[in-house]
PDB file of N, CA and C in Angstrom:
ATOM      1  N   MET A   1     -15.732  40.782  87.011  1.00  0.00           N
ATOM      2  CA  MET A   1     -14.541  41.614  87.162  1.00  0.00           C
ATOM      3  C   MET A   1     -14.621  42.759  86.164  1.00  0.00           C
ATOM      4  N   TYR A   2     -14.065  43.878  86.516  1.00  0.00           N
ATOM      5  CA  TYR A   2     -14.080  45.092  85.708  1.00  0.00           C
ATOM      6  C   TYR A   2     -12.973  45.004  84.674  1.00  0.00           C
ATOM      7  N   LYS A   3     -13.317  44.981  83.374  1.00  0.00           N
ATOM      8  CA  LYS A   3     -12.306  44.756  82.345  1.00  0.00           C
ATOM      9  C   LYS A   3     -12.052  45.952  81.441  1.00  0.00           C
ATOM     10  N   ASN A   4     -12.874  46.981  81.508  1.00  0.00           N
ATOM     11  CA  ASN A   4     -12.673  48.158  80.675  1.00  0.00           C
ATOM     12  C   ASN A   4     -11.648  49.081  81.319  1.00  0.00           C
ATOM     13  N   PRO A   5     -10.948  49.883  80.499  1.00  0.00           N
ATOM     14  CA  PRO A   5     -10.015  50.858  81.083  1.00  0.00           C
ATOM     15  C   PRO A   5     -10.767  51.840  81.982  1.00  0.00           C
ATOM     16  N   LEU A   6     -10.147  52.242  83.062  1.00  0.00           N
ATOM     17  CA  LEU A   6     -10.779  53.185  83.978  1.00  0.00           C
ATOM     18  C   LEU A   6     -10.857  54.566  83.346  1.00  0.00           C
ATOM     19  N   GLN A   7     -11.949  55.273  83.613  1.00  0.00           N
ATOM     20  CA  GLN A   7     -12.153  56.612  83.080  1.00  0.00           C
ATOM     21  C   GLN A   7     -12.181  57.610  84.225  1.00  0.00           C
ATOM     22  N   GLU A   8     -11.278  58.581  84.157  1.00  0.00           N
ATOM     23  CA  GLU A   8     -11.261  59.614  85.183  1.00  0.00           C
ATOM     24  C   GLU A   8     -12.580  60.382  85.154  1.00  0.00           C
ATOM     25  N   GLY A   9     -13.141  60.644  86.308  1.00  0.00           N
ATOM     26  CA  GLY A   9     -14.409  61.346  86.418  1.00  0.00           C
ATOM     27  C   GLY A   9     -15.609  60.416  86.425  1.00  0.00           C
ATOM     28  N   VAL A  10     -15.415  59.183  85.992  1.00  0.00           N
ATOM     29  CA  VAL A  10     -16.486  58.188  86.002  1.00  0.00           C
ATOM     30  C   VAL A  10     -16.167  57.109  87.029  1.00  0.00           C
ATOM     31  N   ASP A  11     -14.986  56.540  86.924  1.00  0.00           N
ATOM     32  CA  ASP A  11     -14.567  55.454  87.807  1.00  0.00           C
ATOM     33  C   ASP A  11     -13.736  55.943  88.993  1.00  0.00           C
ATOM     34  N   TYR A  12     -13.099  57.073  88.835  1.00  0.00           N
ATOM     35  CA  TYR A  12     -12.247  57.610  89.895  1.00  0.00           C
ATOM     36  C   TYR A  12     -12.034  59.099  89.656  1.00  0.00           C
ATOM     37  N   TYR A  13     -11.535  59.766  90.682  1.00  0.00           N
ATOM     38  CA  TYR A  13     -11.038  61.127  90.531  1.00  0.00           C
ATOM     39  C   TYR A  13      -9.788  61.232  91.387  1.00  0.00           C
ATOM     40  N   ILE A  14      -9.006  62.253  91.140  1.00  0.00           N
ATOM     41  CA  ILE A  14      -7.758  62.440  91.879  1.00  0.00           C
ATOM     42  C   ILE A  14      -7.942  63.614  92.833  1.00  0.00           C
ATOM     43  N   GLU A  15      -7.674  63.341  94.108  1.00  0.00           N
ATOM     44  CA  GLU A  15      -7.798  64.364  95.142  1.00  0.00           C
ATOM     45  C   GLU A  15      -6.511  64.393  95.946  1.00  0.00           C
ATOM     46  N   ASN A  16      -5.845  65.524  95.959  1.00  0.00           N
ATOM     47  CA  ASN A  16      -4.574  65.683  96.679  1.00  0.00           C
ATOM     48  C   ASN A  16      -3.563  64.611  96.287  1.00  0.00           C
ATOM     49  N   GLY A  17      -3.538  64.243  95.008  1.00  0.00           N
ATOM     50  CA  GLY A  17      -2.583  63.259  94.515  1.00  0.00           C
ATOM     51  C   GLY A  17      -2.976  61.812  94.745  1.00  0.00           C
ATOM     52  N   CYS A  18      -4.147  61.577  95.319  1.00  0.00           N
ATOM     53  CA  CYS A  18      -4.610  60.208  95.582  1.00  0.00           C
ATOM     54  C   CYS A  18      -5.792  59.871  94.680  1.00  0.00           C
ATOM     55  N   TYR A  19      -5.848  58.625  94.239  1.00  0.00           N
ATOM     56  CA  TYR A  19      -6.976  58.148  93.445  1.00  0.00           C
ATOM     57  C   TYR A  19      -8.118  57.786  94.387  1.00  0.00           C
ATOM     58  N   VAL A  20      -9.307  58.300  94.101  1.00  0.00           N
ATOM     59  CA  VAL A  20     -10.501  58.016  94.892  1.00  0.00           C
ATOM     60  C   VAL A  20     -11.500  57.341  93.959  1.00  0.00           C
ATOM     61  N   PHE A  21     -11.831  56.084  94.239  1.00  0.00           N
ATOM     62  CA  PHE A  21     -12.772  55.353  93.401  1.00  0.00           C
ATOM     63  C   PHE A  21     -14.196  55.804  93.682  1.00  0.00           C
ATOM     64  N   THR A  22     -15.001  55.869  92.626  1.00  0.00           N
ATOM     65  CA  THR A  22     -16.401  56.266  92.757  1.00  0.00           C
ATOM     66  C   THR A  22     -17.260  55.058  93.115  1.00  0.00           C
ATOM     67  N   ALA A  23     -18.474  55.327  93.595  1.00  0.00           N
ATOM     68  CA  ALA A  23     -19.414  54.245  93.891  1.00  0.00           C
ATOM     69  C   ALA A  23     -19.718  53.453  92.626  1.00  0.00           C
ATOM     70  N   HIS A  24     -19.734  54.123  91.480  1.00  0.00           N
ATOM     71  CA  HIS A  24     -19.964  53.435  90.198  1.00  0.00           C
ATOM     72  C   HIS A  24     -18.915  52.344  89.989  1.00  0.00           C
ATOM     73  N   TYR A  25     -17.653  52.699  90.129  1.00  0.00           N
ATOM     74  CA  TYR A  25     -16.580  51.717  89.939  1.00  0.00           C
ATOM     75  C   TYR A  25     -16.673  50.601  90.978  1.00  0.00           C
ATOM     76  N   LEU A  26     -16.865  50.965  92.228  1.00  0.00           N
ATOM     77  CA  LEU A  26     -16.893  49.963  93.291  1.00  0.00           C
ATOM     78  C   LEU A  26     -18.055  48.992  93.118  1.00  0.00           C
ATOM     79  N   THR A  27     -19.185  49.479  92.629  1.00  0.00           N
ATOM     80  CA  THR A  27     -20.327  48.605  92.351  1.00  0.00           C
ATOM     81  C   THR A  27     -20.001  47.655  91.208  1.00  0.00           C
ATOM     82  N   GLN A  28     -19.384  48.177  90.153  1.00  0.00           N
ATOM     83  CA  GLN A  28     -19.020  47.349  89.004  1.00  0.00           C
ATOM     84  C   GLN A  28     -17.978  46.297  89.386  1.00  0.00           C
ATOM     85  N   ARG A  29     -17.109  46.629  90.339  1.00  0.00           N
ATOM     86  CA  ARG A  29     -16.093  45.672  90.783  1.00  0.00           C
ATOM     87  C   ARG A  29     -16.753  44.454  91.414  1.00  0.00           C
ATOM     88  N   GLY A  30     -17.845  44.664  92.142  1.00  0.00           N
ATOM     89  CA  GLY A  30     -18.656  43.552  92.601  1.00  0.00           C
ATOM     90  C   GLY A  30     -18.401  43.020  93.998  1.00  0.00           C
ATOM     91  N   TYR A  31     -17.512  43.615  94.759  1.00  0.00           N
ATOM     92  CA  TYR A  31     -17.277  43.158  96.127  1.00  0.00           C
ATOM     93  C   TYR A  31     -16.681  44.285  96.967  1.00  0.00           C
ATOM     94  N   CYS A  32     -16.799  44.149  98.274  1.00  0.00           N
ATOM     95  CA  CYS A  32     -16.229  45.116  99.210  1.00  0.00           C
ATOM     96  C   CYS A  32     -14.832  44.656  99.614  1.00  0.00           C
ATOM     97  N   CYS A  33     -13.869  45.567  99.529  1.00  0.00           N
ATOM     98  CA  CYS A  33     -12.488  45.232  99.911  1.00  0.00           C
ATOM     99  C   CYS A  33     -12.239  45.470 101.404  1.00  0.00           C
ATOM    100  N   GLN A  34     -13.187  46.092 102.098  1.00  0.00           N
ATOM    101  CA  GLN A  34     -13.116  46.389 103.533  1.00  0.00           C
ATOM    102  C   GLN A  34     -11.931  47.278 103.897  1.00  0.00           C
ATOM    103  N   ASN A  35     -11.579  48.196 102.987  1.00  0.00           N
ATOM    104  CA  ASN A  35     -10.525  49.172 103.256  1.00  0.00           C
ATOM    105  C   ASN A  35     -11.078  50.532 103.664  1.00  0.00           C
ATOM    106  N   GLY A  36     -12.399  50.647 103.754  1.00  0.00           N
ATOM    107  CA  GLY A  36     -13.007  51.913 104.154  1.00  0.00           C
ATOM    108  C   GLY A  36     -13.043  52.939 103.037  1.00  0.00           C
ATOM    109  N   CYS A  37     -13.319  52.501 101.823  1.00  0.00           N
ATOM    110  CA  CYS A  37     -13.389  53.408 100.676  1.00  0.00           C
ATOM    111  C   CYS A  37     -14.410  54.516 100.935  1.00  0.00           C
ATOM    112  N   ARG A  38     -14.090  55.721 100.523  1.00  0.00           N
ATOM    113  CA  ARG A  38     -14.943  56.884 100.757  1.00  0.00           C
ATOM    114  C   ARG A  38     -16.344  56.708 100.186  1.00  0.00           C
ATOM    115  N   HIS A  39     -16.460  56.088  99.016  1.00  0.00           N
ATOM    116  CA  HIS A  39     -17.755  55.951  98.348  1.00  0.00           C
ATOM    117  C   HIS A  39     -18.250  54.512  98.338  1.00  0.00           C
ATOM    118  N   CYS A  40     -17.939  53.748  99.373  1.00  0.00           N
ATOM    119  CA  CYS A  40     -18.308  52.329  99.428  1.00  0.00           C
ATOM    120  C   CYS A  40     -19.822  52.136  99.308  1.00  0.00           C
ATOM    121  N   PRO A  41     -20.276  51.420  98.262  1.00  0.00           N
ATOM    122  CA  PRO A  41     -21.704  51.170  98.102  1.00  0.00           C
ATOM    123  C   PRO A  41     -22.188  49.982  98.928  1.00  0.00           C
ATOM    124  N   TYR A  42     -21.287  49.325  99.636  1.00  0.00           N
ATOM    125  CA  TYR A  42     -21.626  48.122 100.399  1.00  0.00           C
ATOM    126  C   TYR A  42     -21.845  48.407 101.880  1.00  0.00           C
ATOM    127  N   GLY A  43     -21.716  49.667 102.286  1.00  0.00           N
ATOM    128  CA  GLY A  43     -22.010  50.053 103.655  1.00  0.00           C
ATOM    129  C   GLY A  43     -20.896  49.794 104.657  1.00  0.00           C
ATOM    130  N   PHE A  44     -19.693  49.457 104.192  1.00  0.00           N
ATOM    131  CA  PHE A  44     -18.592  49.207 105.118  1.00  0.00           C
ATOM    132  C   PHE A  44     -18.037  50.538 105.611  1.00  0.00           C
ATOM    133  N   ASN A  45     -17.936  50.689 106.913  1.00  0.00           N
ATOM    134  CA  ASN A  45     -17.343  51.881 107.519  1.00  0.00           C
ATOM    135  C   ASN A  45     -16.243  51.444 108.459  1.00  0.00           C
ATOM    136  N   ARG A  46     -15.083  52.014 108.281  1.00  0.00           N
ATOM    137  CA  ARG A  46     -13.980  51.729 109.195  1.00  0.00           C
ATOM    138  C   ARG A  46     -14.218  52.458 110.505  1.00  0.00           C
ATOM    139  N   ALA A  47     -14.024  51.783 111.586  1.00  0.00           N
ATOM    140  CA  ALA A  47     -14.243  52.406 112.901  1.00  0.00           C
ATOM    141  C   ALA A  47     -13.015  53.131 113.378  1.00  0.00           C
TER     142      ALA A  47
END
C-alpha cells in the first residue's frame, strides 16, 4: 500500500479541477481499480 504523502506532479496532476493519477502512482498502489484511469499501467480500458 502507498503510505507516503502524494506529491503533485509525481503522483498526480490537476486537470480542469480533477485529480489525475500518474502511472507512477498507480504502479506503486499495486492493483487495478478497473475505473478506466487515464494512465493505467495494468492495461485496463473502459469500453
